[in-house]
Amino acid sequence: MKKVAKILAGTIVLSLVACSEGNKTSGVTEEDNAVAHNESSSSVVQSSSSVEQGFSSCAAVVVPDLWNGANWFSFADREWGGMSRVQYPVNVGYESSMEELVAYCGGICATIELKAASMPMAGVGFMVAENGAATDISEWDGVCVTYSSDFAMNVSLSVTGADDTLNLEAPFVTLPKTIKNVPTLDQLLSADKVVTRCAKWSDFVAPAWVPESSKLSGEAAAKQIKAIVFVYKGNSEEVGKFNIKEIGKYDATLPQWSEPVNATDFVPSSSSGEAGNDGSQCLWNGATDGYRVNTGFGDGSETSMAGYWYIFDDAEQGGASRFEWNDADCSMNQAGCMEYLIDACGGFCGKLYVNKGSAREAHIGMAFHLDDYEPGETLPKPVDITDWGGLCVTYWSKIGFNLIVGIDSVEHIYFDLDKTEELVERCMTWDDFDEYENEIPGAEAAKQARFISLEQWSGESMTGEFNIVAIGKYSETGACGVGKLVIE
């Protein structure tokens, strides 16, 4: 027996248009049963992401045409006794209201509220052809979706429609969520950042519980499709937002559905900064550069320790300070874990617990050496980084850090990096270090520097999340081109 769910919400009427170039899709008319081309409308709302994502510069979403276009609908889990719902930021149901929604979102956006069901779900979909007719879109080869979402998103090929039932046996793919519940770089760059993911028809498969005799392949569904449906599932009481910006034909050159969302979806590499910033001053960008800072020193061998991040805490002194990483199963002592965590975060992110325990003072942090060790020495070689002019640090933190340039195991200079409300790139010259009670001028310390660290010293307990995203040489235009620039 087929498992189906009634579609409970009213139908929203909205058109999709095709592009004269590129792979945008449109509503399919019953007359030609094919993708419409070169449509135009004075009421097109341009998606701001079309150029960024490599699509041609035409709109993905058009305001309502009640007589010709794709009917959007929403649905929830009421049939199972659930109370999940789709909440739009503006009232929908009328032509003027839908125009407001598209203008407000630059697409179809809403908040999903999952509540009190054995399998809570809710979502939206659109009828591919006019009047809910089945149609053949196999020539698209698949679909690409440009979107942002707090939830992973199932995209289903439904051979039933809004006036029938939602077929839970329909072949689907799951697109990754774009926002994570930890201070990763993609989260810090804000929820309105979108990604594109594509799937071939052959990537769409029926749920595993469907009997083999009843399974419908993605290729078969594309030949008789009525609706493309976006389903959001999760736990009761979960709430999240989504925005579907563009829907297009399959493009093999764009990121595929199974690729996870990482900071590289949003962030330029360290070699390509913002306007006025060519990235040449950037020493390390967590989104692209792994866990080794390009200090320009060290012998370059596999055994060289120059530039490698490491962490330290106060355990040997009786302290109880610790890091908590966004993957509890990954310890910094495990091979490959630091690189994995930095890649997942787009930087050095986690939660910091500062607790002195039985020690005189809590002490915890992260650091990298500027050069290698001399044979038989316990400290790395000193180097002259005067020509760096100072430092730029890109970070977000609910807890402050001391930025330290170490001369030896005791002597150093420091600069306070205050906690922030947003991702910032803070740049300071060597002279700016002199504003603090350092025993040696900043410019002198830079001539004999051994390591750079971000540390927290405190006699009080505190907790806070953080992400150290990038580090570079001083530049008035910023070093790495990520975050709000703050010049001291």
Protein backbone atom coordinates (compact mmCIF):
# COMPACT_ATOMS: atom_id res chain seq x y z
CA MET A 1 0.00 0.00 0.00
CA LYS A 2 1.32 3.42 -0.89
CA LYS A 3 2.09 5.78 1.95
CA VAL A 4 0.64 9.18 1.22
CA ALA A 5 0.03 12.41 3.07
CA LYS A 6 -2.70 14.87 2.29
CA ILE A 7 -1.48 18.29 1.23
CA LEU A 8 -3.31 20.56 3.60
CA ALA A 9 -2.36 24.12 2.82
CA GLY A 10 -3.81 26.25 0.07
CA THR A 11 -2.18 26.56 -3.31
CA ILE A 12 0.08 29.53 -3.97
CA VAL A 13 0.27 30.59 -7.58
CA LEU A 14 3.70 31.56 -8.83
CA SER A 15 5.52 31.34 -12.15
CA LEU A 16 9.00 30.11 -12.94
CA VAL A 17 10.66 31.33 -16.11
CA ALA A 18 13.25 29.91 -18.43
CA CYS A 19 16.33 31.81 -19.54
CA SER A 20 17.31 32.46 -23.09
CA GLU A 21 20.76 31.30 -22.02
CA GLY A 22 21.75 29.03 -19.18
CA ASN A 23 19.69 26.39 -17.46
CA LYS A 24 16.79 28.08 -15.68
CA THR A 25 13.51 26.16 -15.73
CA SER A 26 10.00 27.34 -16.28
CA GLY A 27 6.48 26.11 -15.83
CA VAL A 28 5.61 23.62 -18.56
CA THR A 29 2.51 24.23 -20.64
CA GLU A 30 0.19 21.41 -21.59
CA GLU A 31 0.25 22.65 -25.17
CA ASP A 32 3.90 21.92 -25.90
CA ASN A 33 4.78 19.81 -22.85
CA ALA A 34 8.31 21.21 -22.90
CA VAL A 35 10.40 23.86 -21.20
CA ALA A 36 9.29 27.33 -22.23
CA HIS A 37 11.98 29.65 -23.53
CA ASN A 38 12.49 33.40 -23.76
CA GLU A 39 9.56 34.26 -21.52
CA SER A 40 9.56 37.72 -20.06
CA SER A 41 7.62 39.70 -17.52
CA SER A 42 7.71 43.26 -16.29
CA SER A 43 7.27 41.89 -12.79
CA VAL A 44 10.37 39.69 -12.70
CA VAL A 45 12.23 39.80 -9.40
CA GLN A 46 15.93 39.22 -10.00
CA SER A 47 17.65 36.76 -7.67
CA SER A 48 20.70 38.42 -6.18
CA SER A 49 22.60 35.13 -6.31
CA SER A 50 22.32 34.44 -10.03
CA VAL A 51 25.70 35.84 -10.99
CA GLU A 52 27.48 34.46 -7.91
CA GLN A 53 26.29 30.94 -8.63
CA GLY A 54 27.24 30.93 -12.30
CA PHE A 55 23.75 31.22 -13.77
CA SER A 56 22.88 33.65 -16.53
CA SER A 57 21.44 36.97 -15.49
CA CYS A 58 17.74 36.24 -15.69
CA ALA A 59 15.28 35.79 -12.88
CA ALA A 60 14.58 32.49 -11.19
CA VAL A 61 11.25 33.51 -9.77
CA VAL A 62 8.43 35.57 -11.24
CA VAL A 63 5.51 37.12 -9.39
CA PRO A 64 2.10 35.48 -9.81
CA ASP A 65 0.39 34.80 -13.09
CA LEU A 66 -2.91 33.25 -12.07
CA TRP A 67 -3.59 31.88 -15.54
CA ASN A 68 -0.23 30.55 -16.68
CA GLY A 69 2.54 29.30 -14.44
CA ALA A 70 3.59 26.98 -11.68
CA ASN A 71 1.28 26.58 -8.70
CA TRP A 72 3.28 26.60 -5.45
CA PHE A 73 1.75 24.88 -2.45
CA SER A 74 2.71 24.13 1.14
CA PHE A 75 1.97 21.06 3.26
CA ALA A 76 2.46 19.65 6.76
CA ASP A 77 1.89 16.53 8.86
CA ARG A 78 -1.67 17.03 10.13
CA GLU A 79 -2.74 13.62 8.80
CA TRP A 80 -0.50 11.99 11.43
CA GLY A 81 -1.75 14.25 14.19
CA GLY A 82 1.17 16.62 13.86
CA MET A 83 1.05 20.38 14.24
CA SER A 84 3.97 21.31 12.02
CA ARG A 85 3.51 24.31 9.78
CA VAL A 86 5.04 26.59 7.17
CA GLN A 87 5.12 30.24 8.26
CA TYR A 88 5.68 32.83 5.53
CA PRO A 89 7.14 36.25 6.40
CA VAL A 90 4.21 37.92 4.61
CA ASN A 91 0.62 36.81 4.14
CA VAL A 92 0.20 34.64 1.04
CA GLY A 93 -2.76 33.52 -1.01
CA TYR A 94 -3.41 36.58 -3.12
CA GLU A 95 -1.55 37.88 -6.13
CA SER A 96 -0.36 41.06 -4.42
CA SER A 97 0.77 39.09 -1.36
CA MET A 98 2.83 36.68 -3.44
CA GLU A 99 4.48 39.61 -5.15
CA GLU A 100 5.40 40.89 -1.69
CA LEU A 101 6.80 37.48 -0.71
CA VAL A 102 9.02 37.22 -3.78
CA ALA A 103 10.17 40.82 -3.41
CA TYR A 104 10.89 40.24 0.28
CA CYS A 105 12.74 36.94 -0.17
CA GLY A 106 14.16 37.09 -3.68
CA GLY A 107 12.62 33.62 -3.90
CA ILE A 108 10.29 31.40 -1.89
CA CYS A 109 11.19 31.69 1.80
CA ALA A 110 9.50 30.64 5.01
CA THR A 111 10.03 29.32 8.52
CA ILE A 112 9.42 25.62 9.16
CA GLU A 113 8.03 24.77 12.59
CA LEU A 114 8.09 21.03 13.35
CA LYS A 115 5.85 19.94 16.18
CA ALA A 116 4.30 16.88 17.84
CA ALA A 117 4.30 14.18 15.21
CA SER A 118 5.84 10.73 15.05
CA MET A 119 7.59 11.81 11.86
CA PRO A 120 7.30 15.62 11.78
CA MET A 121 7.59 17.19 8.36
CA ALA A 122 6.51 20.21 6.40
CA GLY A 123 7.50 21.89 3.18
CA VAL A 124 6.59 23.43 -0.14
CA GLY A 125 6.37 22.33 -3.74
CA PHE A 126 5.29 23.49 -7.16
CA MET A 127 3.28 21.94 -9.96
CA VAL A 128 5.53 21.55 -12.99
CA ALA A 129 2.78 21.76 -15.62
CA GLU A 130 -0.43 23.73 -15.97
CA ASN A 131 -3.56 22.48 -14.25
CA GLY A 132 -1.66 19.79 -12.35
CA ALA A 133 -1.06 17.67 -15.45
CA ALA A 134 1.65 15.02 -15.59
CA THR A 135 4.46 15.93 -17.96
CA ASP A 136 7.84 14.76 -19.23
CA ILE A 137 10.86 16.80 -18.14
CA SER A 138 13.44 14.07 -18.70
CA GLU A 139 15.30 16.35 -21.12
CA TRP A 140 16.37 18.50 -18.17
CA ASP A 141 18.69 15.59 -17.17
CA GLY A 142 18.13 16.57 -13.53
CA VAL A 143 17.75 19.74 -11.48
CA CYS A 144 19.88 22.38 -9.77
CA VAL A 145 18.61 24.27 -6.74
CA THR A 146 20.08 27.48 -5.34
CA TYR A 147 18.98 27.89 -1.75
CA SER A 148 19.72 28.49 1.90
CA SER A 149 18.29 26.26 4.62
CA ASP A 150 18.63 25.53 8.32
CA PHE A 151 17.45 21.97 7.61
CA ALA A 152 18.69 19.29 5.27
CA MET A 153 16.19 19.37 2.42
CA ASN A 154 14.66 16.40 0.59
CA VAL A 155 13.84 17.19 -3.03
CA SER A 156 11.21 14.73 -4.26
CA LEU A 157 9.89 13.99 -7.75
CA SER A 158 6.19 13.56 -7.16
CA VAL A 159 3.94 11.89 -9.72
CA THR A 160 0.96 13.13 -7.70
CA GLY A 161 -0.01 16.75 -7.22
CA ALA A 162 -1.40 19.35 -4.87
CA ASP A 163 -4.97 18.23 -5.50
CA ASP A 164 -4.09 14.61 -4.82
CA THR A 165 -1.66 13.42 -2.18
CA LEU A 166 2.00 13.78 -1.34
CA ASN A 167 3.61 10.48 -2.30
CA LEU A 168 6.11 9.47 0.36
CA GLU A 169 7.39 6.73 -1.94
CA ALA A 170 8.61 9.28 -4.50
CA PRO A 171 12.30 9.19 -5.48
CA PHE A 172 14.31 11.92 -3.77
CA VAL A 173 17.75 13.33 -2.99
CA THR A 174 18.76 15.10 0.21
CA LEU A 175 20.49 18.46 -0.14
CA PRO A 176 22.68 19.57 2.79
CA LYS A 177 21.68 22.33 5.16
CA THR A 178 23.62 25.53 4.66
CA ILE A 179 23.62 26.74 8.26
CA LYS A 180 25.14 24.83 11.17
CA ASN A 181 24.57 25.05 14.90
CA VAL A 182 28.19 25.89 15.65
CA PRO A 183 30.13 29.10 14.88
CA THR A 184 31.42 27.84 11.54
CA LEU A 185 32.42 30.38 8.94
CA ASP A 186 29.41 29.72 6.72
CA GLN A 187 27.13 30.44 9.68
CA LEU A 188 28.98 33.61 10.63
CA LEU A 189 28.72 34.91 7.08
CA SER A 190 24.94 34.85 7.66
CA ALA A 191 21.93 32.77 6.78
CA ASP A 192 21.15 34.65 3.58
CA LYS A 193 24.19 33.17 1.87
CA VAL A 194 23.05 30.62 -0.68
CA VAL A 195 24.60 27.56 -2.27
CA THR A 196 23.81 25.62 -5.42
CA ARG A 197 23.50 21.84 -5.53
CA CYS A 198 22.61 19.70 -8.57
CA ALA A 199 21.32 16.15 -9.00
CA LYS A 200 20.86 13.94 -12.07
CA TRP A 201 17.60 12.04 -12.42
CA SER A 202 19.55 8.85 -11.69
CA ASP A 203 20.56 10.31 -8.30
CA PHE A 204 16.92 10.33 -7.17
CA VAL A 205 16.00 7.05 -5.46
CA ALA A 206 12.92 5.81 -3.65
CA PRO A 207 13.11 5.34 0.15
CA ALA A 208 14.72 2.08 1.26
CA TRP A 209 11.49 0.83 2.87
CA VAL A 210 9.59 0.85 -0.43
CA PRO A 211 9.22 -2.70 -1.87
CA GLU A 212 11.37 -3.28 -4.93
CA SER A 213 8.29 -4.00 -7.02
CA SER A 214 6.87 -0.56 -6.17
CA LYS A 215 10.01 1.56 -6.46
CA LEU A 216 10.02 4.30 -9.06
CA SER A 217 13.36 5.48 -10.42
CA GLY A 218 14.23 9.13 -10.83
CA GLU A 219 14.37 8.71 -14.61
CA ALA A 220 10.89 7.17 -14.67
CA ALA A 221 9.44 9.84 -12.38
CA ALA A 222 10.83 12.63 -14.58
CA LYS A 223 8.80 11.29 -17.51
CA GLN A 224 5.47 11.54 -15.66
CA ILE A 225 6.11 14.21 -13.06
CA LYS A 226 3.46 16.47 -11.59
CA ALA A 227 5.33 18.30 -8.84
CA ILE A 228 8.79 18.97 -7.45
CA VAL A 229 8.52 18.99 -3.68
CA PHE A 230 10.88 20.28 -0.97
CA VAL A 231 10.41 18.33 2.27
CA TYR A 232 11.88 19.36 5.63
CA LYS A 233 12.08 16.71 8.36
CA GLY A 234 13.49 16.75 11.86
CA ASN A 235 12.62 16.49 15.53
CA SER A 236 9.56 17.93 17.19
CA GLU A 237 10.00 21.55 18.33
CA GLU A 238 12.74 22.22 15.77
CA VAL A 239 12.43 25.53 13.94
CA GLY A 240 14.39 26.64 10.90
CA LYS A 241 14.27 28.90 7.87
CA PHE A 242 14.76 28.28 4.16
CA ASN A 243 14.88 30.30 0.97
CA ILE A 244 14.63 28.68 -2.46
CA LYS A 245 16.23 31.18 -4.80
CA GLU A 246 16.54 29.37 -8.12
CA ILE A 247 15.59 26.09 -9.78
CA GLY A 248 17.32 25.07 -12.98
CA LYS A 249 18.12 22.22 -15.33
CA TYR A 250 20.97 19.91 -14.39
CA ASP A 251 24.49 21.30 -14.79
CA ALA A 252 27.42 18.94 -14.27
CA THR A 253 29.83 21.87 -13.77
CA LEU A 254 28.10 23.02 -10.57
CA PRO A 255 28.43 21.41 -7.09
CA GLN A 256 26.58 18.11 -6.82
CA TRP A 257 23.91 17.14 -4.30
CA SER A 258 26.16 14.89 -2.20
CA GLU A 259 28.84 17.55 -1.62
CA PRO A 260 28.73 18.96 1.94
CA VAL A 261 28.46 22.70 2.46
CA ASN A 262 31.76 24.18 3.58
CA ALA A 263 33.08 27.68 4.04
CA THR A 264 34.63 27.50 0.57
CA ASP A 265 31.08 27.82 -0.82
CA PHE A 266 31.06 31.40 0.43
CA VAL A 267 34.62 32.64 0.94
CA PRO A 268 37.29 33.77 -1.51
CA SER A 269 40.65 32.04 -1.19
CA SER A 270 43.53 33.88 0.44
CA SER A 271 44.80 34.79 -3.01
CA SER A 272 41.70 36.76 -3.95
CA GLY A 273 40.59 39.39 -1.47
CA GLU A 274 38.05 42.19 -1.54
CA ALA A 275 38.35 45.33 -3.63
CA GLY A 276 41.62 47.06 -2.74
CA ASN A 277 42.92 43.83 -1.22
CA ASP A 278 44.65 41.29 -3.45
CA GLY A 279 45.11 38.74 -0.67
CA SER A 280 48.92 38.95 -0.82
CA GLN A 281 49.08 39.90 2.88
CA CYS A 282 47.04 36.89 4.01
CA LEU A 283 49.12 34.26 5.80
CA TRP A 284 46.33 31.81 6.62
CA ASN A 285 42.67 31.52 5.66
CA GLY A 286 40.98 28.66 7.50
CA ALA A 287 38.49 28.16 4.68
CA THR A 288 41.20 27.23 2.19
CA ASP A 289 44.61 26.75 3.82
CA GLY A 290 44.32 23.75 6.15
CA TYR A 291 46.07 23.96 9.49
CA ARG A 292 49.44 25.42 8.49
CA VAL A 293 50.12 29.15 8.48
CA ASN A 294 52.38 30.33 5.66
CA THR A 295 54.93 32.16 7.83
CA GLY A 296 57.58 32.25 5.10
CA PHE A 297 60.06 30.51 7.40
CA GLY A 298 61.02 26.90 8.08
CA ASP A 299 62.95 24.57 5.80
CA GLY A 300 59.84 23.42 3.94
CA SER A 301 60.42 19.74 4.74
CA GLU A 302 57.74 17.31 5.91
CA THR A 303 59.23 17.43 9.40
CA SER A 304 59.21 21.23 9.60
CA MET A 305 56.95 22.54 12.38
CA ALA A 306 56.86 26.15 11.21
CA GLY A 307 53.31 27.45 10.92
CA TYR A 308 51.47 24.42 12.31
CA TRP A 309 48.68 25.20 14.76
CA TYR A 310 48.78 23.56 18.17
CA ILE A 311 46.77 23.97 21.38
CA PHE A 312 47.71 24.12 25.06
CA ASP A 313 45.93 24.30 28.41
CA ASP A 314 46.57 24.51 32.15
CA ALA A 315 46.10 20.84 33.08
CA GLU A 316 49.70 20.38 34.29
CA GLN A 317 49.26 23.34 36.65
CA GLY A 318 46.04 21.95 38.10
CA GLY A 319 43.72 23.96 35.89
CA ALA A 320 40.48 22.65 34.39
CA SER A 321 40.33 24.76 31.23
CA ARG A 322 39.47 22.95 28.03
CA PHE A 323 38.35 23.23 24.42
CA GLU A 324 35.13 21.66 23.18
CA TRP A 325 35.15 21.06 19.44
CA ASN A 326 32.18 20.89 17.10
CA ASP A 327 32.83 17.16 16.63
CA ALA A 328 32.96 15.50 20.03
CA ASP A 329 34.37 12.30 18.52
CA CYS A 330 37.43 14.09 17.15
CA SER A 331 40.32 14.86 19.49
CA MET A 332 43.15 17.21 18.58
CA ASN A 333 45.50 14.40 19.57
CA GLN A 334 44.19 12.19 16.76
CA ALA A 335 45.98 12.20 13.43
CA GLY A 336 44.17 14.38 10.91
CA CYS A 337 41.64 15.73 13.41
CA MET A 338 42.89 19.31 13.50
CA GLU A 339 42.80 19.53 9.72
CA TYR A 340 39.31 17.99 9.69
CA LEU A 341 37.99 20.42 12.30
CA ILE A 342 39.48 23.50 10.64
CA ASP A 343 38.05 22.42 7.29
CA ALA A 344 34.60 21.92 8.84
CA CYS A 345 34.74 25.28 10.64
CA GLY A 346 36.37 27.37 7.95
CA GLY A 347 38.73 28.28 10.78
CA PHE A 348 39.56 27.30 14.35
CA CYS A 349 36.14 27.04 16.01
CA GLY A 350 34.64 25.55 19.12
CA LYS A 351 33.75 26.39 22.68
CA LEU A 352 36.25 27.52 25.30
CA TYR A 353 35.85 26.64 28.97
CA VAL A 354 38.16 28.78 31.14
CA ASN A 355 38.48 27.33 34.65
CA LYS A 356 41.54 27.70 36.88
CA GLY A 357 40.69 24.63 38.96
CA SER A 358 43.41 24.42 41.61
CA ALA A 359 45.86 26.51 39.58
CA ARG A 360 46.63 30.13 40.44
CA GLU A 361 45.19 31.30 37.13
CA ALA A 362 43.48 29.72 34.15
CA HIS A 363 45.53 29.61 30.94
CA ILE A 364 44.47 28.15 27.60
CA GLY A 365 45.02 28.95 23.95
CA MET A 366 46.26 28.10 20.47
CA ALA A 367 49.51 29.03 18.73
CA PHE A 368 51.91 28.42 15.86
CA HIS A 369 55.69 28.69 15.62
CA LEU A 370 57.17 31.08 13.09
CA ASP A 371 60.22 28.92 12.32
CA ASP A 372 61.74 25.51 13.10
CA TYR A 373 63.69 24.49 16.20
CA GLU A 374 67.44 24.67 16.37
CA PRO A 375 68.84 21.18 17.11
CA GLY A 376 68.85 20.59 20.85
CA GLU A 377 66.85 23.75 21.62
CA THR A 378 63.46 23.87 23.36
CA LEU A 379 62.23 26.99 21.55
CA PRO A 380 61.88 27.70 17.83
CA LYS A 381 64.40 30.00 16.19
CA PRO A 382 63.70 33.75 16.48
CA VAL A 383 62.86 35.55 13.23
CA ASP A 384 62.44 39.14 12.12
CA ILE A 385 58.87 39.92 11.04
CA THR A 386 59.22 43.70 11.25
CA ASP A 387 58.32 44.04 7.58
CA TRP A 388 54.89 42.56 8.28
CA GLY A 389 54.04 45.97 9.75
CA GLY A 390 51.79 44.36 12.35
CA LEU A 391 49.02 41.77 12.22
CA CYS A 392 45.44 41.29 11.03
CA VAL A 393 43.24 38.69 12.75
CA THR A 394 39.81 37.68 11.46
CA TYR A 395 37.69 36.21 14.23
CA TRP A 396 34.36 35.98 16.02
CA SER A 397 34.25 35.27 19.73
CA LYS A 398 31.98 35.49 22.73
CA ILE A 399 35.09 35.53 24.86
CA GLY A 400 38.12 37.83 24.57
CA PHE A 401 41.64 36.73 23.65
CA ASN A 402 45.15 38.11 24.10
CA LEU A 403 46.98 38.19 20.78
CA ILE A 404 50.58 37.45 21.75
CA VAL A 405 53.87 37.70 19.88
CA GLY A 406 56.28 35.57 21.88
CA ILE A 407 59.99 36.32 22.21
CA ASP A 408 60.82 33.46 24.58
CA SER A 409 58.98 31.35 27.13
CA VAL A 410 58.36 34.41 29.32
CA GLU A 411 58.87 37.65 27.41
CA HIS A 412 56.23 38.72 24.91
CA ILE A 413 54.01 41.55 23.74
CA TYR A 414 50.23 41.37 23.68
CA PHE A 415 47.18 43.07 22.20
CA ASP A 416 43.61 42.59 23.48
CA LEU A 417 41.15 41.09 21.01
CA ASP A 418 37.78 41.93 22.54
CA LYS A 419 34.73 39.71 22.18
CA THR A 420 32.64 40.52 19.11
CA GLU A 421 29.03 40.50 17.95
CA GLU A 422 29.99 39.77 14.34
CA LEU A 423 32.84 38.43 12.24
CA VAL A 424 35.57 41.10 12.16
CA GLU A 425 39.05 41.47 10.72
CA ARG A 426 41.02 43.50 13.27
CA CYS A 427 44.31 44.99 12.09
CA MET A 428 46.96 46.55 14.33
CA THR A 429 50.47 47.88 13.70
CA TRP A 430 53.46 47.01 15.87
CA ASP A 431 53.12 50.48 17.41
CA ASP A 432 49.53 49.67 18.43
CA PHE A 433 50.94 47.00 20.76
CA ASP A 434 52.65 49.83 22.67
CA GLU A 435 49.26 51.00 23.99
CA TYR A 436 49.44 48.11 26.46
CA GLU A 437 51.82 47.54 29.37
CA ASN A 438 54.37 45.62 27.35
CA GLU A 439 57.95 45.67 28.60
CA ILE A 440 59.39 45.90 25.11
CA PRO A 441 58.21 48.03 22.15
CA GLY A 442 56.21 46.19 19.53
CA ALA A 443 58.67 46.94 16.74
CA GLU A 444 61.55 45.53 18.82
CA ALA A 445 59.62 42.37 19.65
CA ALA A 446 58.88 41.84 15.96
CA LYS A 447 62.63 41.60 15.28
CA GLN A 448 63.02 38.52 17.50
CA ALA A 449 59.64 36.78 17.37
CA ARG A 450 59.34 33.01 17.87
CA PHE A 451 55.60 32.30 17.96
CA ILE A 452 52.16 33.90 17.69
CA SER A 453 49.34 32.80 19.95
CA LEU A 454 45.78 33.61 20.98
CA GLU A 455 45.40 33.00 24.70
CA GLN A 456 43.04 33.50 27.59
CA TRP A 457 44.40 34.17 31.09
CA SER A 458 41.87 34.61 33.89
CA GLY A 459 41.33 34.15 37.58
CA GLU A 460 37.61 33.72 36.93
CA SER A 461 35.68 30.99 35.16
CA MET A 462 34.08 31.82 31.82
CA THR A 463 32.72 30.07 28.76
CA GLY A 464 32.33 31.20 25.17
CA GLU A 465 32.20 30.08 21.56
CA PHE A 466 34.77 31.31 19.07
CA ASN A 467 36.11 30.99 15.54
CA ILE A 468 39.58 32.16 14.50
CA VAL A 469 39.12 32.47 10.74
CA ALA A 470 42.24 34.09 9.25
CA ILE A 471 45.58 35.73 10.06
CA GLY A 472 47.65 38.06 7.92
CA LYS A 473 50.24 40.79 7.83
CA TYR A 474 49.07 44.32 8.61
CA SER A 475 47.17 46.06 5.82
CA GLU A 476 44.98 49.15 5.88
CA THR A 477 42.62 47.38 3.48
CA GLY A 478 42.62 44.12 5.43
CA ALA A 479 44.75 41.06 4.82
CA CYS A 480 42.35 38.23 4.01
CA GLY A 481 39.18 39.94 2.80
CA VAL A 482 36.78 38.20 5.19
CA GLY A 483 34.70 39.91 7.87
CA LYS A 484 34.07 43.53 8.83
CA LEU A 485 37.35 45.45 8.73
CA VAL A 486 38.45 47.19 11.96
CA ILE A 487 41.66 49.26 11.83
CA GLU A 488 43.13 50.20 15.21
